[in-house]
Amino acid sequence: SCWDFNKGYELDCDELLKDIFNQKNIEGVTFLGGEPFEEENQKVLAPFLEKVRKTYPGKTIWCYSGYVFDKDIQPADGKRHFEFTDRMISCIDVLVDGPFIESLKDISLQFRGSSNQRILRFR
């Protein structure tokens, strides 16, 4: 089944950020599930990530994607590269890329579920 981008509800970004980052034990934020690099999601996430980066420069931003960075996301002709992609990438500290593959599942890995997934540090 397809993801319905017309469902859900709007959040006030400023309130959400205050709620999250006014807690001293919160070191950062992670974006995953619903694919962050879907074109519809990039349109919303790019300005939100920029706001997080500007307002809370000491907080880390992690992102998980089922796509492969150097094949699908980074190249200008990649299938997940759109007008907002570079803006998103410039805000992300760590990207975990690649699809979860059940046959490569490894519970000993940190921050990822299967051995094909990579942890890419941008900052």
N, C-alpha and C. Protein backbone atom coordinates (compact mmCIF):
# COMPACT_ATOMS: atom_id res chain seq x y z
N SER A 1 0.84 -1.19 0.00
CA SER A 1 0.00 0.00 0.00
C SER A 1 0.88 1.24 0.00
N CYS A 2 0.35 2.32 -0.46
CA CYS A 2 1.10 3.57 -0.57
C CYS A 2 0.87 4.44 0.66
N TRP A 3 1.84 5.27 0.94
CA TRP A 3 1.75 6.22 2.03
C TRP A 3 0.79 7.32 1.62
N ASP A 4 -0.16 7.67 2.47
CA ASP A 4 -1.12 8.72 2.17
C ASP A 4 -0.61 10.03 2.77
N PHE A 5 -0.15 10.94 1.93
CA PHE A 5 0.43 12.20 2.39
C PHE A 5 -0.65 13.20 2.81
N ASN A 6 -1.91 12.83 2.66
CA ASN A 6 -3.00 13.73 3.04
C ASN A 6 -3.57 13.39 4.41
N LYS A 7 -2.99 12.46 5.11
CA LYS A 7 -3.44 12.08 6.45
C LYS A 7 -2.57 12.77 7.48
N GLY A 8 -2.97 12.67 8.74
CA GLY A 8 -2.19 13.25 9.82
C GLY A 8 -2.69 14.63 10.18
N TYR A 9 -1.87 15.36 10.91
CA TYR A 9 -2.24 16.70 11.34
C TYR A 9 -0.99 17.55 11.43
N GLU A 10 -1.18 18.85 11.37
CA GLU A 10 -0.06 19.77 11.41
C GLU A 10 0.39 20.02 12.84
N LEU A 11 1.69 20.19 13.00
CA LEU A 11 2.27 20.53 14.29
C LEU A 11 2.87 21.93 14.21
N ASP A 12 2.85 22.63 15.29
CA ASP A 12 3.53 23.92 15.37
C ASP A 12 5.00 23.63 15.63
N CYS A 13 5.84 23.91 14.65
CA CYS A 13 7.26 23.57 14.73
C CYS A 13 7.95 24.24 15.92
N ASP A 14 7.63 25.50 16.18
CA ASP A 14 8.27 26.20 17.29
C ASP A 14 7.95 25.55 18.62
N GLU A 15 6.69 25.18 18.81
CA GLU A 15 6.28 24.51 20.05
C GLU A 15 6.93 23.15 20.17
N LEU A 16 6.97 22.42 19.07
CA LEU A 16 7.58 21.09 19.08
C LEU A 16 9.06 21.20 19.46
N LEU A 17 9.78 22.14 18.86
CA LEU A 17 11.20 22.30 19.17
C LEU A 17 11.41 22.68 20.63
N LYS A 18 10.60 23.59 21.14
CA LYS A 18 10.73 23.97 22.56
C LYS A 18 10.48 22.78 23.46
N ASP A 19 9.43 22.01 23.15
CA ASP A 19 9.11 20.84 23.97
C ASP A 19 10.26 19.84 23.99
N ILE A 20 10.87 19.65 22.83
CA ILE A 20 11.95 18.66 22.73
C ILE A 20 13.23 19.17 23.38
N PHE A 21 13.69 20.35 22.99
CA PHE A 21 15.02 20.80 23.35
C PHE A 21 15.12 21.57 24.65
N ASN A 22 14.02 21.89 25.27
CA ASN A 22 14.10 22.52 26.59
C ASN A 22 14.37 21.50 27.68
N GLN A 23 14.39 20.24 27.32
CA GLN A 23 14.75 19.19 28.26
C GLN A 23 16.27 19.00 28.18
N LYS A 24 16.95 19.17 29.29
CA LYS A 24 18.42 19.15 29.30
C LYS A 24 19.03 17.82 28.85
N ASN A 25 18.31 16.72 29.06
CA ASN A 25 18.87 15.41 28.72
C ASN A 25 18.70 15.05 27.24
N ILE A 26 18.07 15.88 26.45
CA ILE A 26 17.89 15.62 25.02
C ILE A 26 19.10 16.19 24.27
N GLU A 27 19.86 15.31 23.62
CA GLU A 27 21.06 15.73 22.91
C GLU A 27 20.82 16.03 21.45
N GLY A 28 19.71 15.55 20.91
CA GLY A 28 19.46 15.77 19.49
C GLY A 28 18.12 15.20 19.08
N VAL A 29 17.95 15.10 17.79
CA VAL A 29 16.70 14.61 17.22
C VAL A 29 17.03 13.66 16.07
N THR A 30 16.17 12.66 15.88
CA THR A 30 16.35 11.67 14.83
C THR A 30 15.10 11.63 13.96
N PHE A 31 15.30 11.60 12.65
CA PHE A 31 14.20 11.52 11.70
C PHE A 31 14.25 10.18 11.00
N LEU A 32 13.12 9.46 11.04
CA LEU A 32 13.01 8.16 10.41
C LEU A 32 11.55 7.82 10.21
N GLY A 33 11.29 6.75 9.55
CA GLY A 33 9.96 6.17 9.44
C GLY A 33 8.87 7.05 8.88
N GLY A 34 8.27 6.62 7.85
CA GLY A 34 7.88 7.44 6.74
C GLY A 34 9.24 7.84 6.22
N GLU A 35 9.56 7.63 5.05
CA GLU A 35 10.90 7.90 4.51
C GLU A 35 11.17 9.41 4.46
N PRO A 36 12.19 9.89 5.21
CA PRO A 36 12.50 11.32 5.19
C PRO A 36 12.86 11.86 3.81
N PHE A 37 13.41 11.03 2.93
CA PHE A 37 13.84 11.52 1.63
C PHE A 37 12.80 11.35 0.53
N GLU A 38 11.56 11.03 0.89
CA GLU A 38 10.47 11.12 -0.10
C GLU A 38 10.33 12.59 -0.46
N GLU A 39 10.02 12.89 -1.69
CA GLU A 39 9.96 14.28 -2.13
C GLU A 39 8.99 15.11 -1.27
N GLU A 40 7.82 14.56 -0.98
CA GLU A 40 6.83 15.27 -0.18
C GLU A 40 7.35 15.58 1.22
N ASN A 41 8.14 14.68 1.79
CA ASN A 41 8.69 14.89 3.12
C ASN A 41 9.83 15.90 3.10
N GLN A 42 10.65 15.90 2.05
CA GLN A 42 11.76 16.84 1.96
C GLN A 42 11.27 18.29 1.95
N LYS A 43 10.15 18.54 1.31
CA LYS A 43 9.61 19.90 1.24
C LYS A 43 9.35 20.48 2.62
N VAL A 44 8.95 19.61 3.54
CA VAL A 44 8.63 20.04 4.90
C VAL A 44 9.85 19.93 5.81
N LEU A 45 10.61 18.86 5.65
CA LEU A 45 11.75 18.62 6.53
C LEU A 45 12.90 19.59 6.31
N ALA A 46 13.16 20.00 5.09
CA ALA A 46 14.30 20.88 4.83
C ALA A 46 14.21 22.17 5.66
N PRO A 47 13.11 22.91 5.61
CA PRO A 47 13.05 24.12 6.43
C PRO A 47 13.03 23.82 7.93
N PHE A 48 12.43 22.69 8.30
CA PHE A 48 12.40 22.31 9.72
C PHE A 48 13.81 22.00 10.22
N LEU A 49 14.57 21.24 9.45
CA LEU A 49 15.95 20.91 9.82
C LEU A 49 16.81 22.17 9.91
N GLU A 50 16.60 23.09 8.99
CA GLU A 50 17.35 24.35 9.02
C GLU A 50 17.02 25.13 10.30
N LYS A 51 15.77 25.09 10.69
CA LYS A 51 15.37 25.79 11.92
C LYS A 51 16.00 25.13 13.14
N VAL A 52 16.02 23.80 13.17
CA VAL A 52 16.66 23.08 14.28
C VAL A 52 18.14 23.44 14.33
N ARG A 53 18.81 23.40 13.19
CA ARG A 53 20.25 23.68 13.12
C ARG A 53 20.56 25.10 13.60
N LYS A 54 19.74 26.07 13.17
CA LYS A 54 19.98 27.47 13.52
C LYS A 54 19.65 27.75 14.99
N THR A 55 18.53 27.22 15.46
CA THR A 55 18.06 27.52 16.82
C THR A 55 18.80 26.73 17.88
N TYR A 56 19.20 25.52 17.55
CA TYR A 56 19.87 24.63 18.50
C TYR A 56 21.15 24.07 17.88
N PRO A 57 22.16 24.91 17.65
CA PRO A 57 23.36 24.47 16.93
C PRO A 57 24.14 23.37 17.64
N GLY A 58 23.99 23.21 18.94
CA GLY A 58 24.72 22.19 19.66
C GLY A 58 24.05 20.83 19.69
N LYS A 59 22.84 20.75 19.16
CA LYS A 59 22.10 19.48 19.15
C LYS A 59 22.44 18.70 17.88
N THR A 60 22.43 17.38 17.98
CA THR A 60 22.73 16.55 16.82
C THR A 60 21.46 16.18 16.07
N ILE A 61 21.61 16.04 14.76
CA ILE A 61 20.51 15.63 13.90
C ILE A 61 20.91 14.34 13.19
N TRP A 62 20.16 13.29 13.47
CA TRP A 62 20.34 11.99 12.82
C TRP A 62 19.18 11.78 11.87
N CYS A 63 19.44 11.03 10.81
CA CYS A 63 18.39 10.69 9.86
C CYS A 63 18.62 9.26 9.38
N TYR A 64 17.53 8.52 9.27
CA TYR A 64 17.57 7.16 8.73
C TYR A 64 16.86 7.15 7.40
N SER A 65 17.46 6.50 6.40
CA SER A 65 16.84 6.39 5.09
C SER A 65 17.02 4.98 4.55
N GLY A 66 16.00 4.49 3.90
CA GLY A 66 16.09 3.20 3.24
C GLY A 66 16.81 3.29 1.90
N TYR A 67 17.14 4.50 1.49
CA TYR A 67 17.86 4.70 0.24
C TYR A 67 19.37 4.76 0.50
N VAL A 68 20.15 4.54 -0.55
CA VAL A 68 21.60 4.56 -0.46
C VAL A 68 22.08 5.97 -0.82
N PHE A 69 22.85 6.57 0.08
CA PHE A 69 23.24 7.97 -0.05
C PHE A 69 23.93 8.26 -1.38
N ASP A 70 25.02 7.57 -1.68
CA ASP A 70 25.82 7.91 -2.85
C ASP A 70 25.23 7.41 -4.16
N LYS A 71 24.13 6.69 -4.10
CA LYS A 71 23.46 6.21 -5.31
C LYS A 71 22.13 6.95 -5.53
N ASP A 72 21.33 7.06 -4.48
CA ASP A 72 19.97 7.58 -4.61
C ASP A 72 19.77 9.02 -4.15
N ILE A 73 20.54 9.46 -3.15
CA ILE A 73 20.28 10.74 -2.50
C ILE A 73 21.22 11.85 -2.96
N GLN A 74 22.51 11.62 -2.91
CA GLN A 74 23.49 12.67 -3.20
C GLN A 74 23.58 13.08 -4.67
N PRO A 75 23.65 12.14 -5.61
CA PRO A 75 23.82 12.57 -7.01
C PRO A 75 22.63 13.39 -7.51
N ALA A 76 22.92 14.40 -8.31
CA ALA A 76 21.85 15.25 -8.84
C ALA A 76 20.83 14.45 -9.64
N ASP A 77 21.24 13.33 -10.22
CA ASP A 77 20.30 12.50 -10.97
C ASP A 77 19.80 11.29 -10.16
N GLY A 78 20.05 11.28 -8.84
CA GLY A 78 19.58 10.20 -7.97
C GLY A 78 18.07 10.22 -7.85
N LYS A 79 17.48 9.05 -7.64
CA LYS A 79 16.01 8.98 -7.61
C LYS A 79 15.39 9.66 -6.40
N ARG A 80 16.17 10.03 -5.39
CA ARG A 80 15.65 10.75 -4.22
C ARG A 80 16.29 12.12 -4.08
N HIS A 81 16.89 12.63 -5.16
CA HIS A 81 17.48 13.96 -5.13
C HIS A 81 16.51 14.95 -5.76
N PHE A 82 16.06 15.91 -4.94
CA PHE A 82 15.10 16.91 -5.40
C PHE A 82 15.61 18.29 -5.00
N GLU A 83 14.83 19.31 -5.19
CA GLU A 83 15.29 20.67 -4.94
C GLU A 83 15.62 20.94 -3.47
N PHE A 84 15.11 20.13 -2.55
CA PHE A 84 15.35 20.35 -1.12
C PHE A 84 16.43 19.44 -0.54
N THR A 85 16.92 18.50 -1.30
CA THR A 85 17.84 17.47 -0.80
C THR A 85 19.13 18.06 -0.23
N ASP A 86 19.78 18.94 -0.95
CA ASP A 86 21.05 19.50 -0.48
C ASP A 86 20.86 20.29 0.81
N ARG A 87 19.73 20.96 0.93
CA ARG A 87 19.43 21.70 2.16
C ARG A 87 19.32 20.74 3.34
N MET A 88 18.66 19.61 3.12
CA MET A 88 18.54 18.61 4.19
C MET A 88 19.90 18.07 4.58
N ILE A 89 20.67 17.66 3.59
CA ILE A 89 21.98 17.06 3.85
C ILE A 89 22.88 18.03 4.62
N SER A 90 22.80 19.31 4.31
CA SER A 90 23.66 20.29 4.97
C SER A 90 23.35 20.42 6.46
N CYS A 91 22.20 19.95 6.89
CA CYS A 91 21.80 20.06 8.30
C CYS A 91 22.04 18.78 9.09
N ILE A 92 22.18 17.67 8.41
CA ILE A 92 22.26 16.36 9.06
C ILE A 92 23.68 16.09 9.55
N ASP A 93 23.78 15.63 10.81
CA ASP A 93 25.08 15.23 11.36
C ASP A 93 25.42 13.79 10.96
N VAL A 94 24.42 12.91 11.09
CA VAL A 94 24.64 11.49 10.84
C VAL A 94 23.48 10.94 10.03
N LEU A 95 23.80 10.22 8.97
CA LEU A 95 22.80 9.54 8.15
C LEU A 95 23.07 8.04 8.20
N VAL A 96 22.06 7.28 8.53
CA VAL A 96 22.15 5.82 8.43
C VAL A 96 21.38 5.48 7.16
N ASP A 97 22.09 4.92 6.17
CA ASP A 97 21.45 4.69 4.88
C ASP A 97 21.34 3.22 4.54
N GLY A 98 20.50 2.94 3.57
CA GLY A 98 20.32 1.59 3.06
C GLY A 98 19.09 0.91 3.65
N PRO A 99 18.49 0.04 2.86
CA PRO A 99 17.30 -0.66 3.33
C PRO A 99 17.66 -1.72 4.38
N PHE A 100 16.74 -1.96 5.30
CA PHE A 100 16.91 -3.09 6.21
C PHE A 100 16.67 -4.35 5.41
N ILE A 101 17.61 -5.29 5.49
CA ILE A 101 17.49 -6.57 4.79
C ILE A 101 17.51 -7.68 5.84
N GLU A 102 16.41 -8.39 5.92
CA GLU A 102 16.24 -9.43 6.95
C GLU A 102 17.38 -10.45 6.95
N SER A 103 17.82 -10.88 5.77
CA SER A 103 18.88 -11.90 5.71
C SER A 103 20.23 -11.36 6.18
N LEU A 104 20.37 -10.04 6.29
CA LEU A 104 21.60 -9.42 6.78
C LEU A 104 21.44 -8.85 8.19
N LYS A 105 20.35 -9.21 8.83
CA LYS A 105 20.07 -8.72 10.19
C LYS A 105 21.21 -9.12 11.12
N ASP A 106 21.64 -8.17 11.95
CA ASP A 106 22.72 -8.41 12.89
C ASP A 106 22.47 -7.56 14.13
N ILE A 107 22.03 -8.20 15.21
CA ILE A 107 21.67 -7.45 16.42
C ILE A 107 22.90 -6.92 17.17
N SER A 108 24.09 -7.28 16.73
CA SER A 108 25.30 -6.76 17.38
C SER A 108 25.72 -5.40 16.83
N LEU A 109 25.10 -4.96 15.76
CA LEU A 109 25.46 -3.68 15.15
C LEU A 109 24.87 -2.53 15.94
N GLN A 110 25.64 -1.45 16.07
CA GLN A 110 25.14 -0.24 16.72
C GLN A 110 24.38 0.62 15.72
N PHE A 111 23.23 1.10 16.13
CA PHE A 111 22.45 2.10 15.39
C PHE A 111 21.91 1.65 14.04
N ARG A 112 21.98 0.38 13.72
CA ARG A 112 21.46 -0.12 12.45
C ARG A 112 21.06 -1.58 12.62
N GLY A 113 20.22 -2.05 11.73
CA GLY A 113 19.67 -3.39 11.89
C GLY A 113 20.27 -4.46 11.01
N SER A 114 20.81 -4.07 9.86
CA SER A 114 21.40 -5.07 8.97
C SER A 114 22.76 -4.58 8.47
N SER A 115 23.63 -5.52 8.13
CA SER A 115 25.02 -5.20 7.85
C SER A 115 25.24 -4.39 6.57
N ASN A 116 24.27 -4.30 5.71
CA ASN A 116 24.40 -3.47 4.51
C ASN A 116 24.22 -1.98 4.81
N GLN A 117 23.63 -1.66 5.93
CA GLN A 117 23.37 -0.27 6.28
C GLN A 117 24.66 0.39 6.77
N ARG A 118 24.82 1.67 6.43
CA ARG A 118 26.03 2.39 6.79
C ARG A 118 25.71 3.57 7.70
N ILE A 119 26.65 3.92 8.53
CA ILE A 119 26.56 5.11 9.35
C ILE A 119 27.50 6.15 8.73
N LEU A 120 26.90 7.20 8.19
CA LEU A 120 27.66 8.24 7.49
C LEU A 120 27.65 9.50 8.35
N ARG A 121 28.82 9.94 8.76
CA ARG A 121 28.95 11.12 9.60
C ARG A 121 29.33 12.31 8.72
N PHE A 122 28.51 13.35 8.78
CA PHE A 122 28.75 14.54 7.98
C PHE A 122 29.37 15.68 8.77
N ARG A 123 29.34 15.61 10.08
CA ARG A 123 29.90 16.67 10.93
C ARG A 123 30.77 16.05 11.98
